[in-house]
Amino acid sequence: MNDIVTRPRTKVRLATERPRLYKVILINDDYTPRAFVVTVLKAEFRMGEEQAQRVMMTAHQRGACVVAVYTKDVAEAKATRGTEAGRAKGYPLLFTTEPEE
């Protein structure tokens, strides 16, 4: 009599980690016009008028405001494009990024 032993095949699944997220932060300055900041927020971060106004005012009152959270590459690209939009008009508009805790 043949004793055939069958073993179930096990699949090895690699646990993929979620990419770390980064905050895009708007830094307040005393020179960039508020309307221009709102325009950049609407264009680069796809915000509506009201949300862009709220973000701009929060940065104005507190010195900085988290605009949005993205993967590292997207956050850095959006921060760079937002900052460059200000530079192109001669304003010191600044967006930075930092890892989310």
C-alpha atoms as a PDB file:
ATOM      1  CA  MET A   1       0.000   0.000   0.000  1.00  0.00           C
ATOM      2  CA  ASN A   2       1.332   3.409  -0.959  1.00  0.00           C
ATOM      3  CA  ASP A   3       1.367   6.050   1.734  1.00  0.00           C
ATOM      4  CA  ILE A   4       1.129   9.299  -0.181  1.00  0.00           C
ATOM      5  CA  VAL A   5       1.499  12.347   1.964  1.00  0.00           C
ATOM      6  CA  THR A   6       0.192  15.557   0.494  1.00  0.00           C
ATOM      7  CA  ARG A   7       1.145  18.851   1.969  1.00  0.00           C
ATOM      8  CA  PRO A   8      -0.705  22.049   1.272  1.00  0.00           C
ATOM      9  CA  ARG A   9       1.288  24.541  -0.717  1.00  0.00           C
ATOM     10  CA  THR A  10       1.891  27.725   1.168  1.00  0.00           C
ATOM     11  CA  LYS A  11       2.167  31.021  -0.587  1.00  0.00           C
ATOM     12  CA  VAL A  12       4.564  33.560   0.796  1.00  0.00           C
ATOM     13  CA  ARG A  13       3.097  37.026   0.701  1.00  0.00           C
ATOM     14  CA  LEU A  14       5.305  39.988   1.232  1.00  0.00           C
ATOM     15  CA  ALA A  15       3.747  42.626   3.397  1.00  0.00           C
ATOM     16  CA  THR A  16       3.983  45.846   1.454  1.00  0.00           C
ATOM     17  CA  GLU A  17       4.323  48.904   3.608  1.00  0.00           C
ATOM     18  CA  ARG A  18       2.278  51.952   2.842  1.00  0.00           C
ATOM     19  CA  PRO A  19       4.471  54.790   1.647  1.00  0.00           C
ATOM     20  CA  ARG A  20       5.219  57.381   4.289  1.00  0.00           C
ATOM     21  CA  LEU A  21       3.097  60.499   3.931  1.00  0.00           C
ATOM     22  CA  TYR A  22       4.367  64.059   3.923  1.00  0.00           C
ATOM     23  CA  LYS A  23       2.627  67.290   4.877  1.00  0.00           C
ATOM     24  CA  VAL A  24       2.811  70.300   2.596  1.00  0.00           C
ATOM     25  CA  ILE A  25       3.016  73.393   4.806  1.00  0.00           C
ATOM     26  CA  LEU A  26       2.311  76.985   3.796  1.00  0.00           C
ATOM     27  CA  ILE A  27       4.626  79.421   5.604  1.00  0.00           C
ATOM     28  CA  ASN A  28       3.244  82.916   6.186  1.00  0.00           C
ATOM     29  CA  ASP A  29       5.137  85.989   5.031  1.00  0.00           C
ATOM     30  CA  ASP A  30       4.264  89.674   5.194  1.00  0.00           C
ATOM     31  CA  TYR A  31       4.760  90.413   1.498  1.00  0.00           C
ATOM     32  CA  THR A  32       2.840  87.937  -0.661  1.00  0.00           C
ATOM     33  CA  PRO A  33      -0.683  89.283  -1.339  1.00  0.00           C
ATOM     34  CA  ARG A  34      -3.440  87.159   0.177  1.00  0.00           C
ATOM     35  CA  ALA A  35      -5.305  86.966  -3.128  1.00  0.00           C
ATOM     36  CA  PHE A  36      -2.201  85.539  -4.811  1.00  0.00           C
ATOM     37  CA  VAL A  37      -1.810  82.878  -2.097  1.00  0.00           C
ATOM     38  CA  VAL A  38      -5.460  81.879  -2.615  1.00  0.00           C
ATOM     39  CA  THR A  39      -4.884  81.684  -6.393  1.00  0.00           C
ATOM     40  CA  VAL A  40      -1.882  79.354  -5.911  1.00  0.00           C
ATOM     41  CA  LEU A  41      -3.794  77.156  -3.442  1.00  0.00           C
ATOM     42  CA  LYS A  42      -6.682  76.831  -5.887  1.00  0.00           C
ATOM     43  CA  ALA A  43      -4.433  76.104  -8.871  1.00  0.00           C
ATOM     44  CA  GLU A  44      -1.823  73.800  -7.337  1.00  0.00           C
ATOM     45  CA  PHE A  45      -3.840  72.088  -4.614  1.00  0.00           C
ATOM     46  CA  ARG A  46      -7.217  72.034  -6.376  1.00  0.00           C
ATOM     47  CA  MET A  47      -8.974  73.836  -3.516  1.00  0.00           C
ATOM     48  CA  GLY A  48     -12.253  75.660  -3.739  1.00  0.00           C
ATOM     49  CA  GLU A  49     -12.400  79.375  -2.966  1.00  0.00           C
ATOM     50  CA  GLU A  50     -13.624  78.933   0.630  1.00  0.00           C
ATOM     51  CA  GLN A  51     -11.083  76.275   1.572  1.00  0.00           C
ATOM     52  CA  ALA A  52      -8.229  78.260   0.008  1.00  0.00           C
ATOM     53  CA  GLN A  53      -9.321  81.360   1.970  1.00  0.00           C
ATOM     54  CA  ARG A  54      -9.399  79.347   5.231  1.00  0.00           C
ATOM     55  CA  VAL A  55      -5.941  77.853   4.662  1.00  0.00           C
ATOM     56  CA  MET A  56      -4.486  81.259   3.756  1.00  0.00           C
ATOM     57  CA  MET A  57      -6.014  82.914   6.849  1.00  0.00           C
ATOM     58  CA  THR A  58      -4.847  80.095   9.144  1.00  0.00           C
ATOM     59  CA  ALA A  59      -1.286  80.510   7.856  1.00  0.00           C
ATOM     60  CA  HIS A  60      -1.618  84.286   8.229  1.00  0.00           C
ATOM     61  CA  GLN A  61      -2.812  84.063  11.840  1.00  0.00           C
ATOM     62  CA  ARG A  62      -0.650  81.162  13.069  1.00  0.00           C
ATOM     63  CA  GLY A  63       2.453  81.596  10.918  1.00  0.00           C
ATOM     64  CA  ALA A  64       2.014  78.302   9.067  1.00  0.00           C
ATOM     65  CA  CYS A  65      -0.698  75.882   7.988  1.00  0.00           C
ATOM     66  CA  VAL A  66      -0.773  72.310   6.709  1.00  0.00           C
ATOM     67  CA  VAL A  67      -2.167  72.518   3.198  1.00  0.00           C
ATOM     68  CA  ALA A  68      -2.437  68.821   2.308  1.00  0.00           C
ATOM     69  CA  VAL A  69      -0.833  65.407   2.836  1.00  0.00           C
ATOM     70  CA  TYR A  70       0.656  63.338  -0.004  1.00  0.00           C
ATOM     71  CA  THR A  71       3.315  60.749  -0.713  1.00  0.00           C
ATOM     72  CA  LYS A  72       6.826  62.230  -0.577  1.00  0.00           C
ATOM     73  CA  ASP A  73       7.286  62.759  -4.333  1.00  0.00           C
ATOM     74  CA  VAL A  74       3.904  64.421  -4.807  1.00  0.00           C
ATOM     75  CA  ALA A  75       4.286  66.615  -1.697  1.00  0.00           C
ATOM     76  CA  GLU A  76       7.722  67.821  -2.754  1.00  0.00           C
ATOM     77  CA  ALA A  77       6.592  68.516  -6.317  1.00  0.00           C
ATOM     78  CA  LYS A  78       3.549  70.522  -5.206  1.00  0.00           C
ATOM     79  CA  ALA A  79       5.558  72.467  -2.600  1.00  0.00           C
ATOM     80  CA  THR A  80       8.200  73.297  -5.211  1.00  0.00           C
ATOM     81  CA  ARG A  81       5.642  74.383  -7.827  1.00  0.00           C
ATOM     82  CA  GLY A  82       3.775  76.541  -5.285  1.00  0.00           C
ATOM     83  CA  THR A  83       6.994  78.214  -4.138  1.00  0.00           C
ATOM     84  CA  GLU A  84       8.135  78.747  -7.738  1.00  0.00           C
ATOM     85  CA  ALA A  85       4.782  80.364  -8.620  1.00  0.00           C
ATOM     86  CA  GLY A  86       5.502  82.984  -5.949  1.00  0.00           C
ATOM     87  CA  ARG A  87       9.109  83.466  -7.072  1.00  0.00           C
ATOM     88  CA  ALA A  88       7.966  83.999 -10.658  1.00  0.00           C
ATOM     89  CA  LYS A  89       5.908  86.986  -9.447  1.00  0.00           C
ATOM     90  CA  GLY A  90       8.668  88.231  -7.132  1.00  0.00           C
ATOM     91  CA  TYR A  91       7.011  87.094  -3.885  1.00  0.00           C
ATOM     92  CA  PRO A  92       8.686  85.178  -1.040  1.00  0.00           C
ATOM     93  CA  LEU A  93       5.817  82.636  -0.946  1.00  0.00           C
ATOM     94  CA  LEU A  94       7.091  79.428   0.652  1.00  0.00           C
ATOM     95  CA  PHE A  95       5.738  75.894   0.877  1.00  0.00           C
ATOM     96  CA  THR A  96       7.745  73.245   2.737  1.00  0.00           C
ATOM     97  CA  THR A  97       7.281  69.527   3.381  1.00  0.00           C
ATOM     98  CA  GLU A  98       7.797  67.361   6.434  1.00  0.00           C
ATOM     99  CA  PRO A  99       7.025  63.735   7.282  1.00  0.00           C
ATOM    100  CA  GLU A 100       3.704  63.057   8.936  1.00  0.00           C
ATOM    101  CA  GLU A 101       4.092  61.501  12.386  1.00  0.00           C
END
